[in-house]
C-alpha atoms as a PDB file:
ATOM      1  CA  UNK A   1       0.000   0.000   0.000  1.00  0.00           C
ATOM      2  CA  UNK A   2       1.269   3.454  -0.899  1.00  0.00           C
ATOM      3  CA  UNK A   3       2.389   5.857   1.809  1.00  0.00           C
ATOM      4  CA  UNK A   4       2.830   8.914  -0.389  1.00  0.00           C
ATOM      5  CA  UNK A   5       0.812  11.115   1.976  1.00  0.00           C
ATOM      6  CA  UNK A   6       3.530  10.732   4.628  1.00  0.00           C
ATOM      7  CA  UNK A   7       6.307  12.029   2.334  1.00  0.00           C
ATOM      8  CA  UNK A   8       7.360  15.673   2.704  1.00  0.00           C
ATOM      9  CA  UNK A   9       6.650  18.135  -0.099  1.00  0.00           C
ATOM     10  CA  UNK A  10       9.788  19.888  -1.343  1.00  0.00           C
ATOM     11  CA  UNK A  11       9.432  23.642  -1.739  1.00  0.00           C
ATOM     12  CA  UNK A  12      11.509  25.481  -4.372  1.00  0.00           C
ATOM     13  CA  UNK A  13      13.416  28.494  -3.074  1.00  0.00           C
ATOM     14  CA  UNK A  14      11.268  31.038  -4.973  1.00  0.00           C
ATOM     15  CA  UNK A  15       7.931  29.713  -3.642  1.00  0.00           C
ATOM     16  CA  UNK A  16       6.591  31.166  -0.374  1.00  0.00           C
ATOM     17  CA  UNK A  17       4.086  29.219   1.747  1.00  0.00           C
ATOM     18  CA  UNK A  18       2.202  31.000   4.518  1.00  0.00           C
ATOM     19  CA  UNK A  19      -0.582  29.829   6.829  1.00  0.00           C
ATOM     20  CA  UNK A  20      -3.116  32.086   8.553  1.00  0.00           C
ATOM     21  CA  UNK A  21      -5.487  30.126  10.813  1.00  0.00           C
ATOM     22  CA  UNK A  22      -7.100  27.659   8.344  1.00  0.00           C
ATOM     23  CA  UNK A  23      -6.006  29.298   5.083  1.00  0.00           C
ATOM     24  CA  UNK A  24      -2.847  28.137   3.325  1.00  0.00           C
ATOM     25  CA  UNK A  25      -1.368  30.420   0.647  1.00  0.00           C
ATOM     26  CA  UNK A  26       1.242  29.381  -1.905  1.00  0.00           C
ATOM     27  CA  UNK A  27       2.879  32.430  -3.496  1.00  0.00           C
ATOM     28  CA  UNK A  28       5.204  33.028  -6.365  1.00  0.00           C
ATOM     29  CA  UNK A  29       6.153  36.534  -7.468  1.00  0.00           C
ATOM     30  CA  UNK A  30       3.492  36.436 -10.219  1.00  0.00           C
ATOM     31  CA  UNK A  31       0.664  34.300  -8.815  1.00  0.00           C
ATOM     32  CA  UNK A  32      -0.921  33.101  -5.618  1.00  0.00           C
ATOM     33  CA  UNK A  33      -3.087  30.072  -4.833  1.00  0.00           C
ATOM     34  CA  UNK A  34      -5.003  29.508  -1.608  1.00  0.00           C
ATOM     35  CA  UNK A  35      -6.599  26.493   0.044  1.00  0.00           C
ATOM     36  CA  UNK A  36      -8.726  26.098   3.180  1.00  0.00           C
ATOM     37  CA  UNK A  37      -7.377  23.452   5.574  1.00  0.00           C
ATOM     38  CA  UNK A  38      -9.456  21.420   8.046  1.00  0.00           C
ATOM     39  CA  UNK A  39      -8.932  21.931  11.794  1.00  0.00           C
ATOM     40  CA  UNK A  40      -7.436  18.487  12.429  1.00  0.00           C
ATOM     41  CA  UNK A  41      -4.736  18.783   9.716  1.00  0.00           C
ATOM     42  CA  UNK A  42      -1.248  19.561  11.071  1.00  0.00           C
ATOM     43  CA  UNK A  43       1.391  21.251   8.905  1.00  0.00           C
ATOM     44  CA  UNK A  44       5.095  21.118   9.825  1.00  0.00           C
ATOM     45  CA  UNK A  45       7.088  23.522   7.689  1.00  0.00           C
ATOM     46  CA  UNK A  46      10.844  23.872   7.331  1.00  0.00           C
ATOM     47  CA  UNK A  47      12.816  26.035   4.915  1.00  0.00           C
ATOM     48  CA  UNK A  48      12.841  23.485   2.086  1.00  0.00           C
ATOM     49  CA  UNK A  49       9.879  21.187   2.784  1.00  0.00           C
ATOM     50  CA  UNK A  50       6.438  20.906   4.329  1.00  0.00           C
ATOM     51  CA  UNK A  51       4.946  17.787   5.936  1.00  0.00           C
ATOM     52  CA  UNK A  52       1.215  17.147   6.291  1.00  0.00           C
ATOM     53  CA  UNK A  53      -0.177  15.208   9.267  1.00  0.00           C
ATOM     54  CA  UNK A  54      -3.451  14.637  11.100  1.00  0.00           C
ATOM     55  CA  UNK A  55      -4.523  14.546  14.738  1.00  0.00           C
ATOM     56  CA  UNK A  56      -5.952  10.990  14.800  1.00  0.00           C
ATOM     57  CA  UNK A  57      -4.397   8.376  12.470  1.00  0.00           C
ATOM     58  CA  UNK A  58      -7.050   5.743  13.274  1.00  0.00           C
ATOM     59  CA  UNK A  59      -9.978   7.784  11.895  1.00  0.00           C
ATOM     60  CA  UNK A  60     -10.649   6.813   8.257  1.00  0.00           C
ATOM     61  CA  UNK A  61     -12.192  10.200   7.358  1.00  0.00           C
ATOM     62  CA  UNK A  62      -9.128  12.046   8.631  1.00  0.00           C
ATOM     63  CA  UNK A  63      -6.855   9.678   6.649  1.00  0.00           C
ATOM     64  CA  UNK A  64      -8.748  10.507   3.459  1.00  0.00           C
ATOM     65  CA  UNK A  65      -8.496  14.232   4.140  1.00  0.00           C
ATOM     66  CA  UNK A  66      -4.781  13.759   4.944  1.00  0.00           C
ATOM     67  CA  UNK A  67      -4.126  12.211   1.529  1.00  0.00           C
ATOM     68  CA  UNK A  68      -6.243  14.792  -0.295  1.00  0.00           C
ATOM     69  CA  UNK A  69      -4.671  17.761   1.514  1.00  0.00           C
ATOM     70  CA  UNK A  70      -1.141  16.546   0.792  1.00  0.00           C
ATOM     71  CA  UNK A  71      -1.992  16.035  -2.886  1.00  0.00           C
ATOM     72  CA  UNK A  72      -3.619  19.452  -3.250  1.00  0.00           C
ATOM     73  CA  UNK A  73      -0.695  21.239  -1.571  1.00  0.00           C
ATOM     74  CA  UNK A  74       1.815  19.375  -3.771  1.00  0.00           C
ATOM     75  CA  UNK A  75      -0.195  20.341  -6.854  1.00  0.00           C
ATOM     76  CA  UNK A  76      -0.345  23.962  -5.709  1.00  0.00           C
ATOM     77  CA  UNK A  77       3.439  24.079  -5.271  1.00  0.00           C
ATOM     78  CA  UNK A  78       3.972  22.495  -8.680  1.00  0.00           C
ATOM     79  CA  UNK A  79       1.468  24.528 -10.682  1.00  0.00           C
ATOM     80  CA  UNK A  80       2.198  27.927  -9.142  1.00  0.00           C
ATOM     81  CA  UNK A  81       5.497  27.771 -11.050  1.00  0.00           C
ATOM     82  CA  UNK A  82       4.350  25.849 -14.171  1.00  0.00           C
ATOM     83  CA  UNK A  83       1.216  26.492 -16.209  1.00  0.00           C
ATOM     84  CA  UNK A  84      -1.192  23.577 -16.433  1.00  0.00           C
ATOM     85  CA  UNK A  85      -2.499  22.946 -19.931  1.00  0.00           C
ATOM     86  CA  UNK A  86      -5.390  20.918 -21.325  1.00  0.00           C
ATOM     87  CA  UNK A  87      -6.046  20.468 -25.048  1.00  0.00           C
ATOM     88  CA  UNK A  88      -9.338  19.575 -26.739  1.00  0.00           C
ATOM     89  CA  UNK A  89      -9.882  18.452 -30.330  1.00  0.00           C
ATOM     90  CA  UNK A  90     -12.954  19.308 -32.385  1.00  0.00           C
ATOM     91  CA  UNK A  91     -13.543  16.655 -35.025  1.00  0.00           C
ATOM     92  CA  UNK A  92     -16.183  16.971 -37.757  1.00  0.00           C
ATOM     93  CA  UNK A  93     -16.296  18.776 -41.068  1.00  0.00           C
ATOM     94  CA  UNK A  94     -18.609  21.647 -40.108  1.00  0.00           C
ATOM     95  CA  UNK A  95     -17.589  22.035 -36.455  1.00  0.00           C
ATOM     96  CA  UNK A  96     -15.755  25.280 -35.804  1.00  0.00           C
ATOM     97  CA  UNK A  97     -14.652  27.388 -32.883  1.00  0.00           C
ATOM     98  CA  UNK A  98     -13.534  30.959 -32.399  1.00  0.00           C
ATOM     99  CA  UNK A  99     -11.580  32.459 -29.518  1.00  0.00           C
ATOM    100  CA  UNK A 100     -12.616  36.022 -28.644  1.00  0.00           C
ATOM    101  CA  UNK A 101      -9.999  37.797 -26.523  1.00  0.00           C
ATOM    102  CA  UNK A 102      -8.402  35.214 -24.258  1.00  0.00           C
ATOM    103  CA  UNK A 103     -11.327  34.087 -22.148  1.00  0.00           C
ATOM    104  CA  UNK A 104     -14.365  33.737 -24.444  1.00  0.00           C
ATOM    105  CA  UNK A 105     -14.973  30.725 -26.669  1.00  0.00           C
ATOM    106  CA  UNK A 106     -17.650  30.528 -29.376  1.00  0.00           C
ATOM    107  CA  UNK A 107     -18.495  27.030 -30.642  1.00  0.00           C
ATOM    108  CA  UNK A 108     -20.418  26.164 -33.780  1.00  0.00           C
ATOM    109  CA  UNK A 109     -21.065  22.437 -33.352  1.00  0.00           C
ATOM    110  CA  UNK A 110     -24.249  21.522 -35.194  1.00  0.00           C
ATOM    111  CA  UNK A 111     -26.848  23.350 -33.129  1.00  0.00           C
ATOM    112  CA  UNK A 112     -29.164  25.994 -34.589  1.00  0.00           C
ATOM    113  CA  UNK A 113     -27.229  28.600 -32.614  1.00  0.00           C
ATOM    114  CA  UNK A 114     -23.638  29.238 -31.602  1.00  0.00           C
ATOM    115  CA  UNK A 115     -22.660  28.268 -28.075  1.00  0.00           C
ATOM    116  CA  UNK A 116     -20.713  30.926 -26.179  1.00  0.00           C
ATOM    117  CA  UNK A 117     -18.670  29.983 -23.122  1.00  0.00           C
ATOM    118  CA  UNK A 118     -16.815  32.385 -20.866  1.00  0.00           C
ATOM    119  CA  UNK A 119     -13.800  30.948 -19.094  1.00  0.00           C
ATOM    120  CA  UNK A 120     -13.327  31.508 -15.357  1.00  0.00           C
ATOM    121  CA  UNK A 121     -11.187  34.441 -14.308  1.00  0.00           C
ATOM    122  CA  UNK A 122      -7.506  34.136 -15.329  1.00  0.00           C
ATOM    123  CA  UNK A 123      -8.029  30.968 -17.395  1.00  0.00           C
ATOM    124  CA  UNK A 124      -6.777  31.545 -20.954  1.00  0.00           C
ATOM    125  CA  UNK A 125      -8.254  29.916 -24.037  1.00  0.00           C
ATOM    126  CA  UNK A 126      -6.311  29.801 -27.308  1.00  0.00           C
ATOM    127  CA  UNK A 127      -6.178  27.987 -30.621  1.00  0.00           C
ATOM    128  CA  UNK A 128      -3.154  25.758 -31.060  1.00  0.00           C
ATOM    129  CA  UNK A 129      -1.195  27.132 -34.053  1.00  0.00           C
ATOM    130  CA  UNK A 130       0.532  23.811 -34.752  1.00  0.00           C
ATOM    131  CA  UNK A 131      -2.574  21.600 -34.785  1.00  0.00           C
ATOM    132  CA  UNK A 132      -5.791  22.279 -36.644  1.00  0.00           C
ATOM    133  CA  UNK A 133      -9.062  22.337 -34.647  1.00  0.00           C
ATOM    134  CA  UNK A 134      -7.370  22.174 -31.255  1.00  0.00           C
ATOM    135  CA  UNK A 135      -8.299  24.336 -28.272  1.00  0.00           C
ATOM    136  CA  UNK A 136      -5.703  24.988 -25.532  1.00  0.00           C
ATOM    137  CA  UNK A 137      -6.871  25.869 -22.029  1.00  0.00           C
ATOM    138  CA  UNK A 138      -4.178  27.138 -19.619  1.00  0.00           C
ATOM    139  CA  UNK A 139      -3.821  28.381 -16.070  1.00  0.00           C
ATOM    140  CA  UNK A 140      -1.945  27.576 -12.884  1.00  0.00           C
ATOM    141  CA  UNK A 141      -4.966  26.101 -11.078  1.00  0.00           C
ATOM    142  CA  UNK A 142      -5.404  22.489 -12.187  1.00  0.00           C
ATOM    143  CA  UNK A 143      -8.979  22.268 -10.890  1.00  0.00           C
ATOM    144  CA  UNK A 144     -10.187  25.296 -12.853  1.00  0.00           C
ATOM    145  CA  UNK A 145      -8.565  24.076 -16.066  1.00  0.00           C
ATOM    146  CA  UNK A 146     -10.104  20.595 -15.773  1.00  0.00           C
ATOM    147  CA  UNK A 147     -13.494  22.095 -14.856  1.00  0.00           C
ATOM    148  CA  UNK A 148     -13.589  24.383 -17.887  1.00  0.00           C
ATOM    149  CA  UNK A 149     -12.281  21.657 -20.220  1.00  0.00           C
ATOM    150  CA  UNK A 150     -15.034  19.306 -19.008  1.00  0.00           C
ATOM    151  CA  UNK A 151     -17.591  22.070 -19.541  1.00  0.00           C
ATOM    152  CA  UNK A 152     -16.428  22.565 -23.154  1.00  0.00           C
ATOM    153  CA  UNK A 153     -16.403  18.801 -23.791  1.00  0.00           C
ATOM    154  CA  UNK A 154     -19.940  18.416 -22.406  1.00  0.00           C
ATOM    155  CA  UNK A 155     -21.313  20.630 -25.202  1.00  0.00           C
ATOM    156  CA  UNK A 156     -20.804  17.803 -27.736  1.00  0.00           C
ATOM    157  CA  UNK A 157     -19.626  14.544 -26.177  1.00  0.00           C
ATOM    158  CA  UNK A 158     -17.970  11.878 -28.352  1.00  0.00           C
ATOM    159  CA  UNK A 159     -20.431  10.053 -30.601  1.00  0.00           C
ATOM    160  CA  UNK A 160     -19.064   6.623 -31.684  1.00  0.00           C
ATOM    161  CA  UNK A 161     -21.156   6.053 -34.836  1.00  0.00           C
ATOM    162  CA  UNK A 162     -20.466   9.107 -37.020  1.00  0.00           C
ATOM    163  CA  UNK A 163     -17.298  10.263 -35.272  1.00  0.00           C
ATOM    164  CA  UNK A 164     -18.522  13.774 -34.394  1.00  0.00           C
ATOM    165  CA  UNK A 165     -17.137  15.046 -31.125  1.00  0.00           C
ATOM    166  CA  UNK A 166     -15.210  17.348 -28.898  1.00  0.00           C
ATOM    167  CA  UNK A 167     -12.681  15.220 -27.040  1.00  0.00           C
ATOM    168  CA  UNK A 168      -9.472  15.514 -25.037  1.00  0.00           C
ATOM    169  CA  UNK A 169      -6.381  15.160 -27.215  1.00  0.00           C
ATOM    170  CA  UNK A 170      -5.276  12.002 -25.345  1.00  0.00           C
ATOM    171  CA  UNK A 171      -8.742  10.408 -25.332  1.00  0.00           C
ATOM    172  CA  UNK A 172      -9.472   7.366 -27.511  1.00  0.00           C
ATOM    173  CA  UNK A 173     -13.033   6.871 -28.738  1.00  0.00           C
ATOM    174  CA  UNK A 174     -13.825   3.411 -30.055  1.00  0.00           C
ATOM    175  CA  UNK A 175     -15.811   3.633 -33.281  1.00  0.00           C
ATOM    176  CA  UNK A 176     -18.877   1.406 -33.696  1.00  0.00           C
ATOM    177  CA  UNK A 177     -20.414  -0.058 -36.826  1.00  0.00           C
ATOM    178  CA  UNK A 178     -23.721   1.299 -38.099  1.00  0.00           C
ATOM    179  CA  UNK A 179     -26.877  -0.593 -37.238  1.00  0.00           C
ATOM    180  CA  UNK A 180     -28.244  -2.919 -39.913  1.00  0.00           C
ATOM    181  CA  UNK A 181     -32.032  -3.386 -40.218  1.00  0.00           C
ATOM    182  CA  UNK A 182     -33.987  -6.269 -41.569  1.00  0.00           C
ATOM    183  CA  UNK A 183     -31.053  -8.530 -42.380  1.00  0.00           C
ATOM    184  CA  UNK A 184     -31.018 -12.038 -41.013  1.00  0.00           C
END
């Protein structure tokens, strides 16, 4: 069984972590992420690392929160310095998209109207210049990027018969054969 939640999180020298009561802030000179910590979570911080612990190691709920808190803090430290990126592909002949400014996306995907989506604050939306029909969604907060990418994908989920879809670039959609009627 994995014991990753007990490992310390290494902090780069340019990242500053501060805790005020139940609010943890991870700062870099350009950006800042914050996270609310439960009362029973214990943080031990040194100059180069931070260790997450809990008050009662026998309680299963606290163990789950321990693992989740450690993962979220590690992600915050990683993504405050590196941008997180998610790419979506639009596949069908008449499906098109347009990026207005850096946070508004207009999709034309077979409906009688165009679908307009506004990205959350700070999340940037762009067209990938190297790949045709690919949307790039970027920001330092992994949860916001995944949330907005899932929202865009839910407009037109993958359809296995005709092959019309909006999908993640890594996603594989298994194609199905058309139905045959009246043949025995």
